[in-house]
Every structure is written in structure tokens, then in C-alpha cells.
Amino acid sequence: MMKGLGFIFIPVFLIGIFILSMTTGILLKKPFLGHDDVLHHVHVLKEDVRNEQWDKAEDHLIKAKKAWKTVSKRIQFSSEREEMRLISRIFVRIHGFIEAREKGSILAEIAEIEYLWDELGR
């Protein structure tokens, strides 16, 4: 009797774990600690760019990229890989735009990050 329950329980338990890990992207992208709040760092970066504070913008870009690296590990099984790669590429482009002082281009890239962030885990 116990042997039969084990054959049923283990697969059901594993399937439950897989379903849980694949559907929790919305929760896992939220910050657990202060340093992994991607959206906060992106918003601060946006304000730095609007005020043309390029050194601060570079610092906040670094913080946003570190936060994204942390969050992307948490959501890798529950989000589209291509969306995650796109966000990483956008951060690289923003770095180049900061060096070139391209305010409009940076703001456009930030708007795309905000859109992709809202779509992650859905």
C-alpha cells in the first residue's frame, strides 16, 4: 500500500514543483533586498539622464545591471529567455548612449525596459 502511494506522490509532487517554478515569475521579479530592485534603479537612471547628470547615470546603470543579474537568475525558468536577453542588450546600448550623451536614445531604451519589465513573467 505504501509503495503504491510513493509511485503516485513523487510524480505529482515533482509536477507541482515544476508548475510552481514556471508560474512565479511575477513574484520572483519583485525585489527581495534593496539592491535587487531593478525598476527603482532604472527610474533613478531615467531622472539622472533627464537632468543630464551623466556620472550619476553611469553609476545607476551599473546598479541596475547588478540588480538585473540577480533577478534574472531568479526568473530564468519562469520568463521568456529572449525577453531576458533583450533587457541585457538594452543595458549595453544604454552604456554606449551614456558615453555619447544621447539623452533621447537612453530615454527610449528605458521606456522599452519598463515595457519588457511589465511583460516579464506573464
PDB file of N, CA and C in Angstrom:
ATOM      1  N   MET A   1       0.821  -1.196   0.000  1.00  0.00           N
ATOM      2  CA  MET A   1       0.000   0.000   0.000  1.00  0.00           C
ATOM      3  C   MET A   1       0.869   1.265   0.000  1.00  0.00           C
ATOM      4  N   MET A   2       1.876   1.330   0.873  1.00  0.00           N
ATOM      5  CA  MET A   2       2.758   2.499   0.948  1.00  0.00           C
ATOM      6  C   MET A   2       3.573   2.645  -0.328  1.00  0.00           C
ATOM      7  N   LYS A   3       3.956   1.522  -0.918  1.00  0.00           N
ATOM      8  CA  LYS A   3       4.736   1.563  -2.136  1.00  0.00           C
ATOM      9  C   LYS A   3       3.924   2.198  -3.266  1.00  0.00           C
ATOM     10  N   GLY A   4       2.663   1.893  -3.348  1.00  0.00           N
ATOM     11  CA  GLY A   4       1.776   2.445  -4.366  1.00  0.00           C
ATOM     12  C   GLY A   4       1.572   3.946  -4.194  1.00  0.00           C
ATOM     13  N   LEU A   5       1.486   4.398  -2.951  1.00  0.00           N
ATOM     14  CA  LEU A   5       1.341   5.835  -2.692  1.00  0.00           C
ATOM     15  C   LEU A   5       2.597   6.612  -3.106  1.00  0.00           C
ATOM     16  N   GLY A   6       3.751   6.004  -2.916  1.00  0.00           N
ATOM     17  CA  GLY A   6       5.013   6.640  -3.304  1.00  0.00           C
ATOM     18  C   GLY A   6       5.091   6.842  -4.801  1.00  0.00           C
ATOM     19  N   PHE A   7       4.589   5.858  -5.545  1.00  0.00           N
ATOM     20  CA  PHE A   7       4.606   5.965  -7.001  1.00  0.00           C
ATOM     21  C   PHE A   7       3.670   7.071  -7.495  1.00  0.00           C
ATOM     22  N   ILE A   8       2.672   7.391  -6.739  1.00  0.00           N
ATOM     23  CA  ILE A   8       1.743   8.451  -7.116  1.00  0.00           C
ATOM     24  C   ILE A   8       2.210   9.804  -6.569  1.00  0.00           C
ATOM     25  N   PHE A   9       2.645   9.816  -5.321  1.00  0.00           N
ATOM     26  CA  PHE A   9       3.001  11.066  -4.657  1.00  0.00           C
ATOM     27  C   PHE A   9       4.209  11.754  -5.296  1.00  0.00           C
ATOM     28  N   ILE A  10       5.258  11.015  -5.563  1.00  0.00           N
ATOM     29  CA  ILE A  10       6.507  11.612  -6.070  1.00  0.00           C
ATOM     30  C   ILE A  10       6.290  12.312  -7.418  1.00  0.00           C
ATOM     31  N   PRO A  11       5.677  11.666  -8.415  1.00  0.00           N
ATOM     32  CA  PRO A  11       5.461  12.394  -9.677  1.00  0.00           C
ATOM     33  C   PRO A  11       4.540  13.616  -9.522  1.00  0.00           C
ATOM     34  N   VAL A  12       3.500  13.496  -8.718  1.00  0.00           N
ATOM     35  CA  VAL A  12       2.585  14.620  -8.514  1.00  0.00           C
ATOM     36  C   VAL A  12       3.327  15.765  -7.819  1.00  0.00           C
ATOM     37  N   PHE A  13       4.141  15.432  -6.843  1.00  0.00           N
ATOM     38  CA  PHE A  13       4.930  16.439  -6.138  1.00  0.00           C
ATOM     39  C   PHE A  13       5.899  17.142  -7.090  1.00  0.00           C
ATOM     40  N   LEU A  14       6.605  16.378  -7.916  1.00  0.00           N
ATOM     41  CA  LEU A  14       7.560  16.968  -8.858  1.00  0.00           C
ATOM     42  C   LEU A  14       6.858  17.845  -9.897  1.00  0.00           C
ATOM     43  N   ILE A  15       5.737  17.400 -10.398  1.00  0.00           N
ATOM     44  CA  ILE A  15       4.983  18.209 -11.357  1.00  0.00           C
ATOM     45  C   ILE A  15       4.532  19.508 -10.695  1.00  0.00           C
ATOM     46  N   GLY A  16       4.101  19.431  -9.462  1.00  0.00           N
ATOM     47  CA  GLY A  16       3.706  20.638  -8.721  1.00  0.00           C
ATOM     48  C   GLY A  16       4.867  21.607  -8.572  1.00  0.00           C
ATOM     49  N   ILE A  17       6.043  21.101  -8.256  1.00  0.00           N
ATOM     50  CA  ILE A  17       7.240  21.948  -8.123  1.00  0.00           C
ATOM     51  C   ILE A  17       7.559  22.614  -9.462  1.00  0.00           C
ATOM     52  N   PHE A  18       7.486  21.847 -10.559  1.00  0.00           N
ATOM     53  CA  PHE A  18       7.779  22.410 -11.879  1.00  0.00           C
ATOM     54  C   PHE A  18       6.772  23.495 -12.253  1.00  0.00           C
ATOM     55  N   ILE A  19       5.515  23.255 -12.013  1.00  0.00           N
ATOM     56  CA  ILE A  19       4.475  24.243 -12.325  1.00  0.00           C
ATOM     57  C   ILE A  19       4.682  25.503 -11.487  1.00  0.00           C
ATOM     58  N   LEU A  20       4.983  25.313 -10.223  1.00  0.00           N
ATOM     59  CA  LEU A  20       5.225  26.453  -9.340  1.00  0.00           C
ATOM     60  C   LEU A  20       6.414  27.285  -9.822  1.00  0.00           C
ATOM     61  N   SER A  21       7.498  26.617 -10.195  1.00  0.00           N
ATOM     62  CA  SER A  21       8.689  27.360 -10.628  1.00  0.00           C
ATOM     63  C   SER A  21       8.468  28.070 -11.952  1.00  0.00           C
ATOM     64  N   MET A  22       7.573  27.563 -12.783  1.00  0.00           N
ATOM     65  CA  MET A  22       7.345  28.173 -14.090  1.00  0.00           C
ATOM     66  C   MET A  22       6.290  29.277 -14.058  1.00  0.00           C
ATOM     67  N   THR A  23       5.555  29.411 -12.972  1.00  0.00           N
ATOM     68  CA  THR A  23       4.482  30.404 -12.929  1.00  0.00           C
ATOM     69  C   THR A  23       4.695  31.492 -11.878  1.00  0.00           C
ATOM     70  N   THR A  24       5.845  31.537 -11.284  1.00  0.00           N
ATOM     71  CA  THR A  24       6.082  32.513 -10.220  1.00  0.00           C
ATOM     72  C   THR A  24       6.956  33.682 -10.658  1.00  0.00           C
ATOM     73  N   GLY A  25       7.072  33.911 -11.958  1.00  0.00           N
ATOM     74  CA  GLY A  25       7.921  34.993 -12.452  1.00  0.00           C
ATOM     75  C   GLY A  25       7.522  36.356 -11.928  1.00  0.00           C
ATOM     76  N   ILE A  26       6.228  36.603 -11.816  1.00  0.00           N
ATOM     77  CA  ILE A  26       5.759  37.900 -11.338  1.00  0.00           C
ATOM     78  C   ILE A  26       6.220  38.146  -9.905  1.00  0.00           C
ATOM     79  N   LEU A  27       6.194  37.110  -9.089  1.00  0.00           N
ATOM     80  CA  LEU A  27       6.640  37.263  -7.704  1.00  0.00           C
ATOM     81  C   LEU A  27       8.157  37.341  -7.600  1.00  0.00           C
ATOM     82  N   LEU A  28       8.844  36.540  -8.411  1.00  0.00           N
ATOM     83  CA  LEU A  28      10.298  36.467  -8.303  1.00  0.00           C
ATOM     84  C   LEU A  28      11.012  37.699  -8.857  1.00  0.00           C
ATOM     85  N   LYS A  29      10.340  38.470  -9.704  1.00  0.00           N
ATOM     86  CA  LYS A  29      10.999  39.670 -10.223  1.00  0.00           C
ATOM     87  C   LYS A  29      10.923  40.838  -9.245  1.00  0.00           C
ATOM     88  N   LYS A  30      10.082  40.721  -8.238  1.00  0.00           N
ATOM     89  CA  LYS A  30       9.997  41.767  -7.218  1.00  0.00           C
ATOM     90  C   LYS A  30      11.249  41.720  -6.346  1.00  0.00           C
ATOM     91  N   PRO A  31      11.653  42.870  -5.822  1.00  0.00           N
ATOM     92  CA  PRO A  31      12.891  42.891  -5.023  1.00  0.00           C
ATOM     93  C   PRO A  31      12.736  42.137  -3.706  1.00  0.00           C
ATOM     94  N   PHE A  32      13.750  41.345  -3.390  1.00  0.00           N
ATOM     95  CA  PHE A  32      13.807  40.674  -2.094  1.00  0.00           C
ATOM     96  C   PHE A  32      14.621  41.510  -1.122  1.00  0.00           C
ATOM     97  N   LEU A  33      15.623  42.180  -1.647  1.00  0.00           N
ATOM     98  CA  LEU A  33      16.506  43.044  -0.864  1.00  0.00           C
ATOM     99  C   LEU A  33      16.527  44.404  -1.545  1.00  0.00           C
ATOM    100  N   GLY A  34      17.119  45.382  -0.936  1.00  0.00           N
ATOM    101  CA  GLY A  34      17.137  46.722  -1.522  1.00  0.00           C
ATOM    102  C   GLY A  34      17.956  46.823  -2.793  1.00  0.00           C
ATOM    103  N   HIS A  35      19.026  46.059  -2.893  1.00  0.00           N
ATOM    104  CA  HIS A  35      19.933  46.204  -4.037  1.00  0.00           C
ATOM    105  C   HIS A  35      19.434  45.507  -5.302  1.00  0.00           C
ATOM    106  N   ASP A  36      18.380  44.705  -5.223  1.00  0.00           N
ATOM    107  CA  ASP A  36      17.911  43.984  -6.408  1.00  0.00           C
ATOM    108  C   ASP A  36      16.604  44.551  -6.974  1.00  0.00           C
ATOM    109  N   ASP A  37      16.352  45.813  -6.708  1.00  0.00           N
ATOM    110  CA  ASP A  37      15.154  46.483  -7.213  1.00  0.00           C
ATOM    111  C   ASP A  37      15.479  47.110  -8.571  1.00  0.00           C
ATOM    112  N   VAL A  38      15.331  46.328  -9.612  1.00  0.00           N
ATOM    113  CA  VAL A  38      15.705  46.755 -10.961  1.00  0.00           C
ATOM    114  C   VAL A  38      14.936  48.000 -11.371  1.00  0.00           C
ATOM    115  N   LEU A  39      13.642  47.979 -11.195  1.00  0.00           N
ATOM    116  CA  LEU A  39      12.810  49.092 -11.652  1.00  0.00           C
ATOM    117  C   LEU A  39      13.160  50.402 -10.929  1.00  0.00           C
ATOM    118  N   HIS A  40      13.475  50.319  -9.659  1.00  0.00           N
ATOM    119  CA  HIS A  40      13.888  51.523  -8.920  1.00  0.00           C
ATOM    120  C   HIS A  40      15.161  52.110  -9.530  1.00  0.00           C
ATOM    121  N   HIS A  41      16.153  51.254  -9.767  1.00  0.00           N
ATOM    122  CA  HIS A  41      17.410  51.734 -10.334  1.00  0.00           C
ATOM    123  C   HIS A  41      17.208  52.312 -11.732  1.00  0.00           C
ATOM    124  N   VAL A  42      16.306  51.718 -12.498  1.00  0.00           N
ATOM    125  CA  VAL A  42      16.020  52.232 -13.836  1.00  0.00           C
ATOM    126  C   VAL A  42      15.347  53.599 -13.745  1.00  0.00           C
ATOM    127  N   HIS A  43      14.432  53.772 -12.795  1.00  0.00           N
ATOM    128  CA  HIS A  43      13.766  55.072 -12.637  1.00  0.00           C
ATOM    129  C   HIS A  43      14.748  56.154 -12.188  1.00  0.00           C
ATOM    130  N   VAL A  44      15.654  55.807 -11.292  1.00  0.00           N
ATOM    131  CA  VAL A  44      16.671  56.779 -10.860  1.00  0.00           C
ATOM    132  C   VAL A  44      17.580  57.118 -12.045  1.00  0.00           C
ATOM    133  N   LEU A  45      17.929  56.120 -12.831  1.00  0.00           N
ATOM    134  CA  LEU A  45      18.733  56.347 -14.030  1.00  0.00           C
ATOM    135  C   LEU A  45      18.019  57.295 -14.979  1.00  0.00           C
ATOM    136  N   LYS A  46      16.731  57.109 -15.143  1.00  0.00           N
ATOM    137  CA  LYS A  46      15.942  57.985 -16.029  1.00  0.00           C
ATOM    138  C   LYS A  46      16.005  59.441 -15.548  1.00  0.00           C
ATOM    139  N   GLU A  47      15.877  59.644 -14.247  1.00  0.00           N
ATOM    140  CA  GLU A  47      15.948  61.009 -13.711  1.00  0.00           C
ATOM    141  C   GLU A  47      17.337  61.614 -13.909  1.00  0.00           C
ATOM    142  N   ASP A  48      18.381  60.795 -13.724  1.00  0.00           N
ATOM    143  CA  ASP A  48      19.743  61.287 -13.947  1.00  0.00           C
ATOM    144  C   ASP A  48      19.924  61.728 -15.395  1.00  0.00           C
ATOM    145  N   VAL A  49      19.379  60.951 -16.321  1.00  0.00           N
ATOM    146  CA  VAL A  49      19.503  61.289 -17.740  1.00  0.00           C
ATOM    147  C   VAL A  49      18.712  62.559 -18.051  1.00  0.00           C
ATOM    148  N   ARG A  50      17.507  62.660 -17.531  1.00  0.00           N
ATOM    149  CA  ARG A  50      16.702  63.871 -17.762  1.00  0.00           C
ATOM    150  C   ARG A  50      17.423  65.125 -17.264  1.00  0.00           C
ATOM    151  N   ASN A  51      18.137  64.987 -16.145  1.00  0.00           N
ATOM    152  CA  ASN A  51      18.868  66.115 -15.567  1.00  0.00           C
ATOM    153  C   ASN A  51      20.294  66.230 -16.114  1.00  0.00           C
ATOM    154  N   GLU A  52      20.623  65.365 -17.058  1.00  0.00           N
ATOM    155  CA  GLU A  52      21.940  65.326 -17.696  1.00  0.00           C
ATOM    156  C   GLU A  52      23.088  65.203 -16.683  1.00  0.00           C
ATOM    157  N   GLN A  53      22.869  64.376 -15.697  1.00  0.00           N
ATOM    158  CA  GLN A  53      23.900  64.067 -14.707  1.00  0.00           C
ATOM    159  C   GLN A  53      24.536  62.734 -15.121  1.00  0.00           C
ATOM    160  N   TRP A  54      25.470  62.821 -16.045  1.00  0.00           N
ATOM    161  CA  TRP A  54      25.982  61.642 -16.725  1.00  0.00           C
ATOM    162  C   TRP A  54      26.792  60.721 -15.815  1.00  0.00           C
ATOM    163  N   ASP A  55      27.553  61.277 -14.879  1.00  0.00           N
ATOM    164  CA  ASP A  55      28.327  60.427 -13.958  1.00  0.00           C
ATOM    165  C   ASP A  55      27.396  59.628 -13.051  1.00  0.00           C
ATOM    166  N   LYS A  56      26.374  60.290 -12.539  1.00  0.00           N
ATOM    167  CA  LYS A  56      25.390  59.581 -11.711  1.00  0.00           C
ATOM    168  C   LYS A  56      24.634  58.547 -12.543  1.00  0.00           C
ATOM    169  N   ALA A  57      24.337  58.898 -13.777  1.00  0.00           N
ATOM    170  CA  ALA A  57      23.637  57.962 -14.656  1.00  0.00           C
ATOM    171  C   ALA A  57      24.465  56.693 -14.857  1.00  0.00           C
ATOM    172  N   GLU A  58      25.758  56.865 -15.042  1.00  0.00           N
ATOM    173  CA  GLU A  58      26.639  55.698 -15.204  1.00  0.00           C
ATOM    174  C   GLU A  58      26.628  54.834 -13.938  1.00  0.00           C
ATOM    175  N   ASP A  59      26.687  55.467 -12.775  1.00  0.00           N
ATOM    176  CA  ASP A  59      26.649  54.726 -11.508  1.00  0.00           C
ATOM    177  C   ASP A  59      25.332  53.969 -11.345  1.00  0.00           C
ATOM    178  N   HIS A  60      24.234  54.627 -11.673  1.00  0.00           N
ATOM    179  CA  HIS A  60      22.940  53.964 -11.521  1.00  0.00           C
ATOM    180  C   HIS A  60      22.722  52.886 -12.576  1.00  0.00           C
ATOM    181  N   LEU A  61      23.339  53.042 -13.736  1.00  0.00           N
ATOM    182  CA  LEU A  61      23.283  51.977 -14.735  1.00  0.00           C
ATOM    183  C   LEU A  61      23.992  50.728 -14.210  1.00  0.00           C
ATOM    184  N   ILE A  62      25.130  50.919 -13.575  1.00  0.00           N
ATOM    185  CA  ILE A  62      25.868  49.787 -13.002  1.00  0.00           C
ATOM    186  C   ILE A  62      25.016  49.094 -11.938  1.00  0.00           C
ATOM    187  N   LYS A  63      24.360  49.876 -11.094  1.00  0.00           N
ATOM    188  CA  LYS A  63      23.495  49.295 -10.057  1.00  0.00           C
ATOM    189  C   LYS A  63      22.311  48.551 -10.686  1.00  0.00           C
ATOM    190  N   ALA A  64      21.742  49.115 -11.734  1.00  0.00           N
ATOM    191  CA  ALA A  64      20.613  48.465 -12.411  1.00  0.00           C
ATOM    192  C   ALA A  64      21.058  47.154 -13.044  1.00  0.00           C
ATOM    193  N   LYS A  65      22.243  47.144 -13.646  1.00  0.00           N
ATOM    194  CA  LYS A  65      22.751  45.916 -14.269  1.00  0.00           C
ATOM    195  C   LYS A  65      23.031  44.837 -13.219  1.00  0.00           C
ATOM    196  N   LYS A  66      23.562  45.228 -12.069  1.00  0.00           N
ATOM    197  CA  LYS A  66      23.805  44.254 -10.995  1.00  0.00           C
ATOM    198  C   LYS A  66      22.483  43.700 -10.474  1.00  0.00           C
ATOM    199  N   ALA A  67      21.506  44.569 -10.304  1.00  0.00           N
ATOM    200  CA  ALA A  67      20.193  44.121  -9.848  1.00  0.00           C
ATOM    201  C   ALA A  67      19.576  43.181 -10.876  1.00  0.00           C
ATOM    202  N   TRP A  68      19.700  43.511 -12.152  1.00  0.00           N
ATOM    203  CA  TRP A  68      19.155  42.660 -13.211  1.00  0.00           C
ATOM    204  C   TRP A  68      19.831  41.292 -13.215  1.00  0.00           C
ATOM    205  N   LYS A  69      21.129  41.279 -12.995  1.00  0.00           N
ATOM    206  CA  LYS A  69      21.850  40.000 -12.950  1.00  0.00           C
ATOM    207  C   LYS A  69      21.302  39.117 -11.833  1.00  0.00           C
ATOM    208  N   THR A  70      21.019  39.715 -10.685  1.00  0.00           N
ATOM    209  CA  THR A  70      20.459  38.962  -9.556  1.00  0.00           C
ATOM    210  C   THR A  70      19.055  38.465  -9.871  1.00  0.00           C
ATOM    211  N   VAL A  71      18.216  39.346 -10.377  1.00  0.00           N
ATOM    212  CA  VAL A  71      16.821  38.982 -10.645  1.00  0.00           C
ATOM    213  C   VAL A  71      16.729  37.984 -11.796  1.00  0.00           C
ATOM    214  N   SER A  72      17.557  38.143 -12.806  1.00  0.00           N
ATOM    215  CA  SER A  72      17.469  37.247 -13.963  1.00  0.00           C
ATOM    216  C   SER A  72      17.760  35.799 -13.585  1.00  0.00           C
ATOM    217  N   LYS A  73      18.590  35.591 -12.583  1.00  0.00           N
ATOM    218  CA  LYS A  73      18.837  34.223 -12.116  1.00  0.00           C
ATOM    219  C   LYS A  73      17.596  33.631 -11.453  1.00  0.00           C
ATOM    220  N   ARG A  74      16.833  34.485 -10.773  1.00  0.00           N
ATOM    221  CA  ARG A  74      15.624  34.006 -10.090  1.00  0.00           C
ATOM    222  C   ARG A  74      14.504  33.671 -11.067  1.00  0.00           C
ATOM    223  N   ILE A  75      14.407  34.439 -12.151  1.00  0.00           N
ATOM    224  CA  ILE A  75      13.253  34.286 -13.045  1.00  0.00           C
ATOM    225  C   ILE A  75      13.568  33.495 -14.307  1.00  0.00           C
ATOM    226  N   GLN A  76      14.744  32.914 -14.393  1.00  0.00           N
ATOM    227  CA  GLN A  76      15.159  32.281 -15.638  1.00  0.00           C
ATOM    228  C   GLN A  76      14.266  31.129 -16.079  1.00  0.00           C
ATOM    229  N   PHE A  77      13.582  30.473 -15.169  1.00  0.00           N
ATOM    230  CA  PHE A  77      12.723  29.358 -15.545  1.00  0.00           C
ATOM    231  C   PHE A  77      11.272  29.767 -15.756  1.00  0.00           C
ATOM    232  N   SER A  78      10.936  30.991 -15.394  1.00  0.00           N
ATOM    233  CA  SER A  78       9.542  31.415 -15.493  1.00  0.00           C
ATOM    234  C   SER A  78       9.329  32.536 -16.502  1.00  0.00           C
ATOM    235  N   SER A  79      10.369  32.946 -17.202  1.00  0.00           N
ATOM    236  CA  SER A  79      10.258  34.043 -18.162  1.00  0.00           C
ATOM    237  C   SER A  79      10.859  33.631 -19.492  1.00  0.00           C
ATOM    238  N   GLU A  80      10.454  34.326 -20.524  1.00  0.00           N
ATOM    239  CA  GLU A  80      10.982  34.061 -21.860  1.00  0.00           C
ATOM    240  C   GLU A  80      12.456  34.440 -21.920  1.00  0.00           C
ATOM    241  N   ARG A  81      13.249  33.515 -22.393  1.00  0.00           N
ATOM    242  CA  ARG A  81      14.697  33.744 -22.476  1.00  0.00           C
ATOM    243  C   ARG A  81      15.015  34.926 -23.394  1.00  0.00           C
ATOM    244  N   GLU A  82      14.279  35.058 -24.494  1.00  0.00           N
ATOM    245  CA  GLU A  82      14.554  36.150 -25.435  1.00  0.00           C
ATOM    246  C   GLU A  82      14.279  37.517 -24.811  1.00  0.00           C
ATOM    247  N   GLU A  83      13.226  37.624 -24.010  1.00  0.00           N
ATOM    248  CA  GLU A  83      12.953  38.893 -23.325  1.00  0.00           C
ATOM    249  C   GLU A  83      14.074  39.225 -22.352  1.00  0.00           C
ATOM    250  N   MET A  84      14.577  38.210 -21.680  1.00  0.00           N
ATOM    251  CA  MET A  84      15.666  38.432 -20.729  1.00  0.00           C
ATOM    252  C   MET A  84      16.933  38.881 -21.454  1.00  0.00           C
ATOM    253  N   ARG A  85      17.232  38.251 -22.577  1.00  0.00           N
ATOM    254  CA  ARG A  85      18.406  38.651 -23.357  1.00  0.00           C
ATOM    255  C   ARG A  85      18.243  40.076 -23.889  1.00  0.00           C
ATOM    256  N   LEU A  86      17.036  40.415 -24.295  1.00  0.00           N
ATOM    257  CA  LEU A  86      16.784  41.754 -24.821  1.00  0.00           C
ATOM    258  C   LEU A  86      17.045  42.817 -23.752  1.00  0.00           C
ATOM    259  N   ILE A  87      16.605  42.569 -22.538  1.00  0.00           N
ATOM    260  CA  ILE A  87      16.861  43.526 -21.454  1.00  0.00           C
ATOM    261  C   ILE A  87      18.363  43.684 -21.227  1.00  0.00           C
ATOM    262  N   SER A  88      19.097  42.587 -21.251  1.00  0.00           N
ATOM    263  CA  SER A  88      20.553  42.661 -21.084  1.00  0.00           C
ATOM    264  C   SER A  88      21.197  43.469 -22.205  1.00  0.00           C
ATOM    265  N   ARG A  89      20.736  43.269 -23.433  1.00  0.00           N
ATOM    266  CA  ARG A  89      21.285  44.029 -24.565  1.00  0.00           C
ATOM    267  C   ARG A  89      20.938  45.513 -24.460  1.00  0.00           C
ATOM    268  N   ILE A  90      19.758  45.814 -23.958  1.00  0.00           N
ATOM    269  CA  ILE A  90      19.377  47.222 -23.799  1.00  0.00           C
ATOM    270  C   ILE A  90      20.306  47.919 -22.813  1.00  0.00           C
ATOM    271  N   PHE A  91      20.662  47.237 -21.730  1.00  0.00           N
ATOM    272  CA  PHE A  91      21.595  47.837 -20.769  1.00  0.00           C
ATOM    273  C   PHE A  91      22.942  48.144 -21.436  1.00  0.00           C
ATOM    274  N   VAL A  92      23.388  47.270 -22.325  1.00  0.00           N
ATOM    275  CA  VAL A  92      24.647  47.512 -23.040  1.00  0.00           C
ATOM    276  C   VAL A  92      24.515  48.738 -23.939  1.00  0.00           C
ATOM    277  N   ARG A  93      23.389  48.849 -24.643  1.00  0.00           N
ATOM    278  CA  ARG A  93      23.176  50.017 -25.507  1.00  0.00           C
ATOM    279  C   ARG A  93      23.103  51.303 -24.689  1.00  0.00           C
ATOM    280  N   ILE A  94      22.451  51.246 -23.545  1.00  0.00           N
ATOM    281  CA  ILE A  94      22.357  52.438 -22.688  1.00  0.00           C
ATOM    282  C   ILE A  94      23.747  52.902 -22.284  1.00  0.00           C
ATOM    283  N   HIS A  95      24.631  51.951 -21.996  1.00  0.00           N
ATOM    284  CA  HIS A  95      26.004  52.325 -21.633  1.00  0.00           C
ATOM    285  C   HIS A  95      26.649  53.144 -22.752  1.00  0.00           C
ATOM    286  N   GLY A  96      26.493  52.682 -23.976  1.00  0.00           N
ATOM    287  CA  GLY A  96      27.046  53.419 -25.112  1.00  0.00           C
ATOM    288  C   GLY A  96      26.401  54.778 -25.288  1.00  0.00           C
ATOM    289  N   PHE A  97      25.103  54.837 -25.085  1.00  0.00           N
ATOM    290  CA  PHE A  97      24.403  56.118 -25.221  1.00  0.00           C
ATOM    291  C   PHE A  97      24.808  57.099 -24.121  1.00  0.00           C
ATOM    292  N   ILE A  98      25.104  56.586 -22.936  1.00  0.00           N
ATOM    293  CA  ILE A  98      25.575  57.479 -21.864  1.00  0.00           C
ATOM    294  C   ILE A  98      26.927  58.068 -22.243  1.00  0.00           C
ATOM    295  N   GLU A  99      27.807  57.244 -22.790  1.00  0.00           N
ATOM    296  CA  GLU A  99      29.107  57.757 -23.222  1.00  0.00           C
ATOM    297  C   GLU A  99      28.957  58.829 -24.290  1.00  0.00           C
ATOM    298  N   ALA A 100      27.963  58.651 -25.169  1.00  0.00           N
ATOM    299  CA  ALA A 100      27.740  59.609 -26.251  1.00  0.00           C
ATOM    300  C   ALA A 100      26.827  60.758 -25.832  1.00  0.00           C
ATOM    301  N   ARG A 101      26.296  60.700 -24.613  1.00  0.00           N
ATOM    302  CA  ARG A 101      25.385  61.728 -24.098  1.00  0.00           C
ATOM    303  C   ARG A 101      24.119  61.862 -24.956  1.00  0.00           C
ATOM    304  N   GLU A 102      23.575  60.700 -25.365  1.00  0.00           N
ATOM    305  CA  GLU A 102      22.376  60.641 -26.214  1.00  0.00           C
ATOM    306  C   GLU A 102      21.128  60.523 -25.346  1.00  0.00           C
ATOM    307  N   LYS A 103      20.664  61.642 -24.860  1.00  0.00           N
ATOM    308  CA  LYS A 103      19.549  61.684 -23.920  1.00  0.00           C
ATOM    309  C   LYS A 103      18.286  61.003 -24.472  1.00  0.00           C
ATOM    310  N   GLY A 104      17.892  61.347 -25.676  1.00  0.00           N
ATOM    311  CA  GLY A 104      16.672  60.790 -26.262  1.00  0.00           C
ATOM    312  C   GLY A 104      16.754  59.289 -26.467  1.00  0.00           C
ATOM    313  N   SER A 105      17.896  58.819 -26.907  1.00  0.00           N
ATOM    314  CA  SER A 105      18.069  57.380 -27.131  1.00  0.00           C
ATOM    315  C   SER A 105      18.001  56.602 -25.819  1.00  0.00           C
ATOM    316  N   ILE A 106      18.604  57.160 -24.788  1.00  0.00           N
ATOM    317  CA  ILE A 106      18.575  56.497 -23.480  1.00  0.00           C
ATOM    318  C   ILE A 106      17.146  56.422 -22.960  1.00  0.00           C
ATOM    319  N   LEU A 107      16.419  57.510 -23.073  1.00  0.00           N
ATOM    320  CA  LEU A 107      15.038  57.516 -22.582  1.00  0.00           C
ATOM    321  C   LEU A 107      14.167  56.527 -23.356  1.00  0.00           C
ATOM    322  N   ALA A 108      14.428  56.383 -24.648  1.00  0.00           N
ATOM    323  CA  ALA A 108      13.687  55.398 -25.439  1.00  0.00           C
ATOM    324  C   ALA A 108      14.013  53.978 -24.988  1.00  0.00           C
ATOM    325  N   GLU A 109      15.276  53.707 -24.724  1.00  0.00           N
ATOM    326  CA  GLU A 109      15.683  52.373 -24.256  1.00  0.00           C
ATOM    327  C   GLU A 109      15.094  52.088 -22.878  1.00  0.00           C
ATOM    328  N   ILE A 110      15.069  53.084 -22.017  1.00  0.00           N
ATOM    329  CA  ILE A 110      14.487  52.904 -20.682  1.00  0.00           C
ATOM    330  C   ILE A 110      12.997  52.613 -20.797  1.00  0.00           C
ATOM    331  N   ALA A 111      12.320  53.281 -21.704  1.00  0.00           N
ATOM    332  CA  ALA A 111      10.894  53.000 -21.910  1.00  0.00           C
ATOM    333  C   ALA A 111      10.685  51.557 -22.347  1.00  0.00           C
ATOM    334  N   GLU A 112      11.589  51.046 -23.173  1.00  0.00           N
ATOM    335  CA  GLU A 112      11.472  49.650 -23.595  1.00  0.00           C
ATOM    336  C   GLU A 112      11.732  48.693 -22.431  1.00  0.00           C
ATOM    337  N   ILE A 113      12.699  49.007 -21.580  1.00  0.00           N
ATOM    338  CA  ILE A 113      12.940  48.176 -20.397  1.00  0.00           C
ATOM    339  C   ILE A 113      11.693  48.154 -19.516  1.00  0.00           C
ATOM    340  N   GLU A 114      11.089  49.313 -19.317  1.00  0.00           N
ATOM    341  CA  GLU A 114       9.883  49.378 -18.474  1.00  0.00           C
ATOM    342  C   GLU A 114       8.764  48.524 -19.066  1.00  0.00           C
ATOM    343  N   TYR A 115       8.609  48.559 -20.374  1.00  0.00           N
ATOM    344  CA  TYR A 115       7.586  47.739 -21.029  1.00  0.00           C
ATOM    345  C   TYR A 115       7.899  46.254 -20.853  1.00  0.00           C
ATOM    346  N   LEU A 116       9.137  45.873 -21.142  1.00  0.00           N
ATOM    347  CA  LEU A 116       9.521  44.462 -21.016  1.00  0.00           C
ATOM    348  C   LEU A 116       9.397  43.983 -19.571  1.00  0.00           C
ATOM    349  N   TRP A 117       9.722  44.861 -18.632  1.00  0.00           N
ATOM    350  CA  TRP A 117       9.623  44.503 -17.217  1.00  0.00           C
ATOM    351  C   TRP A 117       8.179  44.156 -16.853  1.00  0.00           C
ATOM    352  N   ASP A 118       7.241  44.962 -17.352  1.00  0.00           N
ATOM    353  CA  ASP A 118       5.831  44.689 -17.088  1.00  0.00           C
ATOM    354  C   ASP A 118       5.377  43.366 -17.690  1.00  0.00           C
ATOM    355  N   GLU A 119       5.980  42.984 -18.814  1.00  0.00           N
ATOM    356  CA  GLU A 119       5.595  41.755 -19.510  1.00  0.00           C
ATOM    357  C   GLU A 119       6.274  40.508 -18.950  1.00  0.00           C
ATOM    358  N   LEU A 120       7.356  40.680 -18.231  1.00  0.00           N
ATOM    359  CA  LEU A 120       8.098  39.519 -17.701  1.00  0.00           C
ATOM    360  C   LEU A 120       7.211  38.696 -16.757  1.00  0.00           C
ATOM    361  N   GLY A 121       7.232  37.412 -16.969  1.00  0.00           N
ATOM    362  CA  GLY A 121       6.516  36.511 -16.065  1.00  0.00           C
ATOM    363  C   GLY A 121       5.035  36.394 -16.323  1.00  0.00           C
ATOM    364  N   ARG A 122       4.531  37.004 -17.368  1.00  0.00           N
ATOM    365  CA  ARG A 122       3.099  36.922 -17.665  1.00  0.00           C
ATOM    366  C   ARG A 122       2.806  35.743 -18.556  1.00  0.00           C
TER     367      ARG A 122
END
